[in-house]
Amino acid sequence: MNAFTTKISSFCNAHKILLMVLVLILNVVLLLAEQATSVRLFGKVEALNHRWANYTELHQNYIQSRIHYSRLDATESEYKTLKYDYEYSKSKGREYIVLGTDKPVSVRHNRVYYLDEQCSLTFSGIAKMTLQNFSFRCLY
């Protein structure tokens, strides 16, 4: 043992209780930060004669999606809304499964393809990847 290791060891022995209290406080701060953390995603798409706006929030293992859509030639007040509340479960790689009681789909298998650090394409369902089952989402 060198002198530096001996000094650290004696400091830790002398201040055991203080170090344990500091570690306990750090754990509580990290737990509170984890409880307050959420990921918010937003995306807009225009395809198939419609426009979609998608807002998604992931907090712990719950994911909420709000989708507003309308025809391209419709006025700004003519739109429809979908709301999904799911329980999030990680699958393999860039895939995840969400479970919920919402209609029409209570279970969704999603595949995510990241375009960069902020944006991704998400395909819902295990069907072929088409414009009918995708959403564009970006962190904000």
N, C-alpha and C. Protein backbone atom coordinates (compact mmCIF):
# COMPACT_ATOMS: atom_id res chain seq x y z
N MET A 1 0.83 -1.18 0.00
CA MET A 1 0.00 0.00 0.00
C MET A 1 0.88 1.25 0.00
N ASN A 2 0.47 2.19 -0.78
CA ASN A 2 1.24 3.43 -0.78
C ASN A 2 0.62 4.41 0.22
N ALA A 3 1.22 5.56 0.35
CA ALA A 3 0.79 6.54 1.35
C ALA A 3 -0.59 7.10 1.04
N PHE A 4 -0.88 7.31 -0.24
CA PHE A 4 -2.18 7.88 -0.62
C PHE A 4 -3.32 6.93 -0.24
N THR A 5 -3.16 5.63 -0.52
CA THR A 5 -4.18 4.64 -0.18
C THR A 5 -4.36 4.56 1.33
N THR A 6 -3.28 4.66 2.06
CA THR A 6 -3.36 4.62 3.52
C THR A 6 -4.12 5.83 4.05
N LYS A 7 -3.89 7.00 3.48
CA LYS A 7 -4.61 8.20 3.92
C LYS A 7 -6.10 8.09 3.62
N ILE A 8 -6.44 7.59 2.44
CA ILE A 8 -7.86 7.43 2.09
C ILE A 8 -8.52 6.43 3.02
N SER A 9 -7.85 5.33 3.30
CA SER A 9 -8.39 4.31 4.18
C SER A 9 -8.62 4.86 5.59
N SER A 10 -7.67 5.60 6.10
CA SER A 10 -7.84 6.14 7.45
C SER A 10 -8.93 7.22 7.47
N PHE A 11 -9.06 8.01 6.39
CA PHE A 11 -10.12 9.01 6.31
C PHE A 11 -11.49 8.33 6.32
N CYS A 12 -11.63 7.26 5.53
CA CYS A 12 -12.90 6.54 5.47
C CYS A 12 -13.23 5.90 6.82
N ASN A 13 -12.25 5.37 7.50
CA ASN A 13 -12.49 4.78 8.81
C ASN A 13 -12.91 5.84 9.83
N ALA A 14 -12.31 7.01 9.75
CA ALA A 14 -12.61 8.08 10.70
C ALA A 14 -13.99 8.71 10.43
N HIS A 15 -14.44 8.71 9.19
CA HIS A 15 -15.68 9.39 8.84
C HIS A 15 -16.71 8.41 8.26
N LYS A 16 -16.80 7.22 8.82
CA LYS A 16 -17.71 6.19 8.32
C LYS A 16 -19.16 6.66 8.29
N ILE A 17 -19.61 7.22 9.38
CA ILE A 17 -21.02 7.61 9.49
C ILE A 17 -21.33 8.73 8.51
N LEU A 18 -20.44 9.70 8.40
CA LEU A 18 -20.65 10.80 7.45
C LEU A 18 -20.74 10.29 6.02
N LEU A 19 -19.86 9.38 5.64
CA LEU A 19 -19.88 8.81 4.29
C LEU A 19 -21.15 8.01 4.04
N MET A 20 -21.62 7.26 5.02
CA MET A 20 -22.86 6.50 4.85
C MET A 20 -24.05 7.44 4.68
N VAL A 21 -24.09 8.53 5.44
CA VAL A 21 -25.17 9.51 5.30
C VAL A 21 -25.12 10.16 3.92
N LEU A 22 -23.92 10.49 3.43
CA LEU A 22 -23.78 11.09 2.10
C LEU A 22 -24.25 10.13 1.01
N VAL A 23 -23.90 8.86 1.13
CA VAL A 23 -24.34 7.86 0.14
C VAL A 23 -25.86 7.70 0.20
N LEU A 24 -26.44 7.70 1.39
CA LEU A 24 -27.88 7.61 1.53
C LEU A 24 -28.58 8.82 0.90
N ILE A 25 -28.06 10.03 1.14
CA ILE A 25 -28.63 11.24 0.54
C ILE A 25 -28.52 11.19 -0.98
N LEU A 26 -27.38 10.74 -1.49
CA LEU A 26 -27.21 10.61 -2.95
C LEU A 26 -28.22 9.64 -3.54
N ASN A 27 -28.46 8.53 -2.87
CA ASN A 27 -29.46 7.56 -3.35
C ASN A 27 -30.86 8.15 -3.37
N VAL A 28 -31.22 8.91 -2.35
CA VAL A 28 -32.54 9.54 -2.31
C VAL A 28 -32.68 10.56 -3.44
N VAL A 29 -31.63 11.36 -3.69
CA VAL A 29 -31.66 12.34 -4.77
C VAL A 29 -31.81 11.65 -6.12
N LEU A 30 -31.07 10.57 -6.34
CA LEU A 30 -31.18 9.82 -7.59
C LEU A 30 -32.56 9.19 -7.75
N LEU A 31 -33.14 8.70 -6.68
CA LEU A 31 -34.49 8.12 -6.74
C LEU A 31 -35.52 9.18 -7.10
N LEU A 32 -35.42 10.36 -6.49
CA LEU A 32 -36.34 11.45 -6.81
C LEU A 32 -36.17 11.92 -8.26
N ALA A 33 -34.94 11.98 -8.74
CA ALA A 33 -34.70 12.37 -10.13
C ALA A 33 -35.28 11.34 -11.09
N GLU A 34 -35.17 10.07 -10.76
CA GLU A 34 -35.72 9.01 -11.63
C GLU A 34 -37.25 9.08 -11.66
N GLN A 35 -37.87 9.40 -10.53
CA GLN A 35 -39.33 9.50 -10.47
C GLN A 35 -39.85 10.67 -11.31
N ALA A 36 -39.07 11.74 -11.41
CA ALA A 36 -39.52 12.94 -12.11
C ALA A 36 -39.14 12.95 -13.59
N THR A 37 -38.35 12.00 -14.03
CA THR A 37 -37.86 12.00 -15.41
C THR A 37 -38.91 11.42 -16.36
N SER A 38 -39.08 12.09 -17.48
CA SER A 38 -39.95 11.57 -18.53
C SER A 38 -39.37 11.97 -19.88
N VAL A 39 -39.76 11.23 -20.90
CA VAL A 39 -39.31 11.49 -22.26
C VAL A 39 -40.53 11.95 -23.06
N ARG A 40 -40.39 13.07 -23.74
CA ARG A 40 -41.48 13.60 -24.56
C ARG A 40 -41.07 13.58 -26.03
N LEU A 41 -41.96 13.06 -26.86
CA LEU A 41 -41.70 12.95 -28.29
C LEU A 41 -42.83 13.63 -29.06
N PHE A 42 -42.47 14.26 -30.17
CA PHE A 42 -43.47 14.93 -30.99
C PHE A 42 -43.10 14.71 -32.44
N GLY A 43 -44.11 14.50 -33.27
CA GLY A 43 -43.84 14.32 -34.69
C GLY A 43 -45.02 14.73 -35.54
N LYS A 44 -44.74 15.17 -36.75
CA LYS A 44 -45.79 15.52 -37.72
C LYS A 44 -45.49 14.84 -39.03
N VAL A 45 -46.53 14.33 -39.67
CA VAL A 45 -46.38 13.62 -40.94
C VAL A 45 -47.51 14.03 -41.87
N GLU A 46 -47.18 14.19 -43.14
CA GLU A 46 -48.20 14.39 -44.17
C GLU A 46 -48.02 13.29 -45.22
N ALA A 47 -49.02 12.41 -45.32
CA ALA A 47 -48.98 11.32 -46.29
C ALA A 47 -50.38 10.76 -46.47
N LEU A 48 -50.60 10.10 -47.60
CA LEU A 48 -51.87 9.44 -47.89
C LEU A 48 -53.05 10.40 -47.76
N ASN A 49 -52.88 11.64 -48.23
CA ASN A 49 -53.92 12.67 -48.21
C ASN A 49 -54.35 13.07 -46.80
N HIS A 50 -53.54 12.79 -45.79
CA HIS A 50 -53.83 13.16 -44.40
C HIS A 50 -52.60 13.79 -43.77
N ARG A 51 -52.82 14.51 -42.68
CA ARG A 51 -51.72 14.99 -41.84
C ARG A 51 -51.95 14.48 -40.43
N TRP A 52 -50.88 14.06 -39.78
CA TRP A 52 -50.93 13.54 -38.42
C TRP A 52 -49.98 14.33 -37.55
N ALA A 53 -50.40 14.63 -36.35
CA ALA A 53 -49.53 15.18 -35.31
C ALA A 53 -49.56 14.18 -34.16
N ASN A 54 -48.39 13.78 -33.70
CA ASN A 54 -48.28 12.73 -32.71
C ASN A 54 -47.50 13.26 -31.52
N TYR A 55 -48.09 13.24 -30.33
CA TYR A 55 -47.42 13.64 -29.09
C TYR A 55 -47.38 12.42 -28.18
N THR A 56 -46.20 12.03 -27.74
CA THR A 56 -46.04 10.85 -26.89
C THR A 56 -45.19 11.20 -25.68
N GLU A 57 -45.61 10.71 -24.52
CA GLU A 57 -44.83 10.91 -23.30
C GLU A 57 -44.58 9.57 -22.65
N LEU A 58 -43.33 9.29 -22.31
CA LEU A 58 -42.93 8.06 -21.64
C LEU A 58 -42.45 8.42 -20.25
N HIS A 59 -43.16 7.93 -19.23
CA HIS A 59 -42.80 8.17 -17.83
C HIS A 59 -42.74 6.83 -17.12
N GLN A 60 -41.56 6.48 -16.61
CA GLN A 60 -41.31 5.18 -16.01
C GLN A 60 -41.68 4.10 -17.01
N ASN A 61 -42.70 3.27 -16.75
CA ASN A 61 -43.06 2.24 -17.72
C ASN A 61 -44.45 2.48 -18.32
N TYR A 62 -44.88 3.73 -18.35
CA TYR A 62 -46.16 4.09 -18.96
C TYR A 62 -45.92 5.01 -20.15
N ILE A 63 -46.63 4.74 -21.23
CA ILE A 63 -46.49 5.55 -22.43
C ILE A 63 -47.89 6.04 -22.83
N GLN A 64 -47.99 7.36 -23.05
CA GLN A 64 -49.25 7.96 -23.47
C GLN A 64 -49.05 8.60 -24.83
N SER A 65 -49.93 8.29 -25.76
CA SER A 65 -49.85 8.87 -27.10
C SER A 65 -51.14 9.61 -27.41
N ARG A 66 -50.99 10.80 -27.96
CA ARG A 66 -52.12 11.61 -28.43
C ARG A 66 -51.88 11.86 -29.91
N ILE A 67 -52.84 11.49 -30.74
CA ILE A 67 -52.69 11.63 -32.19
C ILE A 67 -53.84 12.50 -32.70
N HIS A 68 -53.50 13.55 -33.43
CA HIS A 68 -54.48 14.41 -34.09
C HIS A 68 -54.28 14.22 -35.59
N TYR A 69 -55.36 13.99 -36.31
CA TYR A 69 -55.23 13.81 -37.75
C TYR A 69 -56.40 14.45 -38.48
N SER A 70 -56.15 14.83 -39.73
CA SER A 70 -57.19 15.42 -40.58
C SER A 70 -56.78 15.25 -42.03
N ARG A 71 -57.71 15.46 -42.92
CA ARG A 71 -57.40 15.43 -44.35
C ARG A 71 -56.58 16.66 -44.68
N LEU A 72 -55.77 16.57 -45.71
CA LEU A 72 -54.94 17.70 -46.11
C LEU A 72 -55.77 18.91 -46.54
N ASP A 73 -56.92 18.66 -47.17
CA ASP A 73 -57.75 19.77 -47.64
C ASP A 73 -58.76 20.25 -46.59
N ALA A 74 -58.74 19.69 -45.38
CA ALA A 74 -59.67 20.08 -44.32
C ALA A 74 -59.21 21.38 -43.66
N THR A 75 -60.15 22.07 -43.03
CA THR A 75 -59.80 23.28 -42.30
C THR A 75 -59.10 22.90 -40.99
N GLU A 76 -58.55 23.89 -40.34
CA GLU A 76 -57.77 23.63 -39.14
C GLU A 76 -58.63 23.07 -38.00
N SER A 77 -59.90 23.38 -37.98
CA SER A 77 -60.77 22.90 -36.90
C SER A 77 -61.39 21.53 -37.19
N GLU A 78 -61.21 21.00 -38.38
CA GLU A 78 -61.77 19.70 -38.74
C GLU A 78 -60.71 18.62 -38.57
N TYR A 79 -60.61 18.07 -37.36
CA TYR A 79 -59.64 17.02 -37.11
C TYR A 79 -60.24 16.00 -36.14
N LYS A 80 -59.62 14.85 -36.07
CA LYS A 80 -60.04 13.79 -35.15
C LYS A 80 -58.87 13.50 -34.21
N THR A 81 -59.20 12.98 -33.04
CA THR A 81 -58.19 12.74 -32.02
C THR A 81 -58.25 11.29 -31.55
N LEU A 82 -57.08 10.69 -31.37
CA LEU A 82 -56.96 9.37 -30.76
C LEU A 82 -56.09 9.52 -29.52
N LYS A 83 -56.42 8.77 -28.48
CA LYS A 83 -55.66 8.82 -27.23
C LYS A 83 -55.39 7.39 -26.78
N TYR A 84 -54.12 7.08 -26.57
CA TYR A 84 -53.74 5.74 -26.13
C TYR A 84 -52.92 5.83 -24.85
N ASP A 85 -53.28 5.02 -23.86
CA ASP A 85 -52.52 4.89 -22.62
C ASP A 85 -52.07 3.44 -22.51
N TYR A 86 -50.76 3.24 -22.52
CA TYR A 86 -50.21 1.88 -22.53
C TYR A 86 -49.18 1.70 -21.43
N GLU A 87 -48.98 0.44 -21.07
CA GLU A 87 -47.87 0.06 -20.21
C GLU A 87 -46.75 -0.42 -21.12
N TYR A 88 -45.57 0.16 -20.93
CA TYR A 88 -44.42 -0.04 -21.81
C TYR A 88 -43.60 -1.23 -21.33
N SER A 89 -43.20 -2.08 -22.25
CA SER A 89 -42.36 -3.22 -21.92
C SER A 89 -41.30 -3.38 -23.02
N LYS A 90 -40.04 -3.32 -22.63
CA LYS A 90 -38.95 -3.43 -23.60
C LYS A 90 -38.90 -4.85 -24.15
N SER A 91 -38.69 -4.94 -25.43
CA SER A 91 -38.54 -6.24 -26.07
C SER A 91 -37.06 -6.40 -26.38
N LYS A 92 -36.72 -6.77 -27.56
CA LYS A 92 -35.31 -6.95 -27.93
C LYS A 92 -34.86 -5.83 -28.85
N GLY A 93 -33.61 -5.47 -28.76
CA GLY A 93 -33.03 -4.48 -29.66
C GLY A 93 -33.79 -3.18 -29.68
N ARG A 94 -34.27 -2.79 -30.85
CA ARG A 94 -34.98 -1.52 -30.99
C ARG A 94 -36.49 -1.74 -31.04
N GLU A 95 -36.99 -2.79 -30.41
CA GLU A 95 -38.41 -3.11 -30.41
C GLU A 95 -38.97 -3.03 -29.00
N TYR A 96 -40.25 -2.68 -28.89
CA TYR A 96 -40.91 -2.71 -27.60
C TYR A 96 -42.38 -3.08 -27.78
N ILE A 97 -42.98 -3.52 -26.70
CA ILE A 97 -44.38 -3.94 -26.70
C ILE A 97 -45.11 -3.06 -25.70
N VAL A 98 -46.31 -2.61 -26.06
CA VAL A 98 -47.12 -1.83 -25.14
C VAL A 98 -48.45 -2.54 -24.94
N LEU A 99 -48.92 -2.54 -23.69
CA LEU A 99 -50.17 -3.19 -23.32
C LEU A 99 -51.12 -2.15 -22.76
N GLY A 100 -52.38 -2.22 -23.15
CA GLY A 100 -53.37 -1.28 -22.64
C GLY A 100 -54.76 -1.79 -22.87
N THR A 101 -55.74 -1.05 -22.34
CA THR A 101 -57.13 -1.44 -22.50
C THR A 101 -57.83 -0.59 -23.55
N ASP A 102 -57.08 0.28 -24.22
CA ASP A 102 -57.67 1.18 -25.21
C ASP A 102 -58.10 0.42 -26.46
N LYS A 103 -59.09 0.96 -27.12
CA LYS A 103 -59.56 0.42 -28.38
C LYS A 103 -58.90 1.19 -29.51
N PRO A 104 -58.70 0.71 -30.66
CA PRO A 104 -59.05 -0.61 -31.14
C PRO A 104 -57.98 -1.66 -30.85
N VAL A 105 -56.77 -1.24 -30.48
CA VAL A 105 -55.67 -2.19 -30.28
C VAL A 105 -55.24 -2.16 -28.83
N SER A 106 -55.31 -3.30 -28.14
CA SER A 106 -54.91 -3.34 -26.73
C SER A 106 -53.46 -3.76 -26.55
N VAL A 107 -52.86 -4.36 -27.58
CA VAL A 107 -51.44 -4.75 -27.53
C VAL A 107 -50.79 -4.29 -28.83
N ARG A 108 -49.65 -3.62 -28.71
CA ARG A 108 -48.93 -3.17 -29.90
C ARG A 108 -47.47 -3.58 -29.81
N HIS A 109 -46.98 -4.07 -30.92
CA HIS A 109 -45.57 -4.38 -31.06
C HIS A 109 -44.98 -3.29 -31.94
N ASN A 110 -44.00 -2.55 -31.43
CA ASN A 110 -43.45 -1.41 -32.14
C ASN A 110 -41.98 -1.62 -32.45
N ARG A 111 -41.57 -1.13 -33.62
CA ARG A 111 -40.17 -1.16 -34.03
C ARG A 111 -39.72 0.28 -34.25
N VAL A 112 -38.57 0.62 -33.68
CA VAL A 112 -38.07 1.99 -33.75
C VAL A 112 -36.79 2.01 -34.57
N TYR A 113 -36.71 2.95 -35.50
CA TYR A 113 -35.52 3.15 -36.32
C TYR A 113 -35.07 4.59 -36.12
N TYR A 114 -33.94 4.77 -35.46
CA TYR A 114 -33.45 6.10 -35.12
C TYR A 114 -32.79 6.74 -36.34
N LEU A 115 -33.23 7.95 -36.66
CA LEU A 115 -32.65 8.70 -37.77
C LEU A 115 -31.43 9.49 -37.32
N ASP A 116 -31.46 9.99 -36.09
CA ASP A 116 -30.33 10.69 -35.47
C ASP A 116 -30.55 10.63 -33.96
N GLU A 117 -29.87 11.49 -33.20
CA GLU A 117 -29.99 11.46 -31.74
C GLU A 117 -31.36 11.92 -31.26
N GLN A 118 -32.10 12.65 -32.10
CA GLN A 118 -33.37 13.21 -31.67
C GLN A 118 -34.59 12.55 -32.31
N CYS A 119 -34.52 12.16 -33.55
CA CYS A 119 -35.71 11.73 -34.29
C CYS A 119 -35.66 10.24 -34.64
N SER A 120 -36.86 9.66 -34.75
CA SER A 120 -36.96 8.25 -35.10
C SER A 120 -38.24 7.99 -35.88
N LEU A 121 -38.26 6.88 -36.59
CA LEU A 121 -39.46 6.36 -37.22
C LEU A 121 -39.92 5.17 -36.39
N THR A 122 -41.20 5.13 -36.05
CA THR A 122 -41.75 4.04 -35.25
C THR A 122 -42.83 3.35 -36.06
N PHE A 123 -42.70 2.04 -36.21
CA PHE A 123 -43.67 1.25 -36.95
C PHE A 123 -44.45 0.40 -35.95
N SER A 124 -45.79 0.50 -35.97
CA SER A 124 -46.65 -0.25 -35.06
C SER A 124 -47.11 -1.53 -35.73
N GLY A 125 -47.14 -2.59 -34.95
CA GLY A 125 -47.60 -3.88 -35.45
C GLY A 125 -46.47 -4.68 -36.06
N ILE A 126 -46.73 -5.97 -36.24
CA ILE A 126 -45.71 -6.84 -36.82
C ILE A 126 -45.89 -6.99 -38.32
N ALA A 127 -46.83 -6.20 -38.87
CA ALA A 127 -47.08 -6.25 -40.31
C ALA A 127 -45.95 -5.55 -41.05
N LYS A 128 -46.07 -5.55 -42.35
CA LYS A 128 -45.10 -4.89 -43.22
C LYS A 128 -45.02 -3.41 -42.87
N MET A 129 -43.83 -2.83 -42.98
CA MET A 129 -43.64 -1.43 -42.67
C MET A 129 -44.15 -0.59 -43.82
N THR A 130 -45.26 0.13 -43.59
CA THR A 130 -45.86 0.96 -44.62
C THR A 130 -46.20 2.33 -44.03
N LEU A 131 -46.72 3.21 -44.88
CA LEU A 131 -47.13 4.53 -44.41
C LEU A 131 -48.36 4.46 -43.50
N GLN A 132 -49.11 3.39 -43.56
CA GLN A 132 -50.30 3.27 -42.71
C GLN A 132 -49.97 2.97 -41.25
N ASN A 133 -48.80 2.42 -40.97
CA ASN A 133 -48.51 2.02 -39.58
C ASN A 133 -47.23 2.64 -39.04
N PHE A 134 -46.90 3.87 -39.45
CA PHE A 134 -45.69 4.46 -38.92
C PHE A 134 -45.98 5.83 -38.32
N SER A 135 -45.08 6.28 -37.47
CA SER A 135 -45.12 7.64 -36.96
C SER A 135 -43.70 8.18 -36.89
N PHE A 136 -43.59 9.47 -37.05
CA PHE A 136 -42.30 10.17 -36.99
C PHE A 136 -42.27 10.92 -35.67
N ARG A 137 -41.24 10.67 -34.84
CA ARG A 137 -41.19 11.28 -33.51
C ARG A 137 -39.82 11.86 -33.26
N CYS A 138 -39.80 13.02 -32.62
CA CYS A 138 -38.55 13.67 -32.23
C CYS A 138 -38.60 14.08 -30.77
N LEU A 139 -37.48 13.95 -30.07
CA LEU A 139 -37.37 14.45 -28.70
C LEU A 139 -37.45 15.96 -28.72
N TYR A 140 -38.03 16.53 -27.71
CA TYR A 140 -38.01 17.98 -27.59
C TYR A 140 -37.93 18.38 -26.15
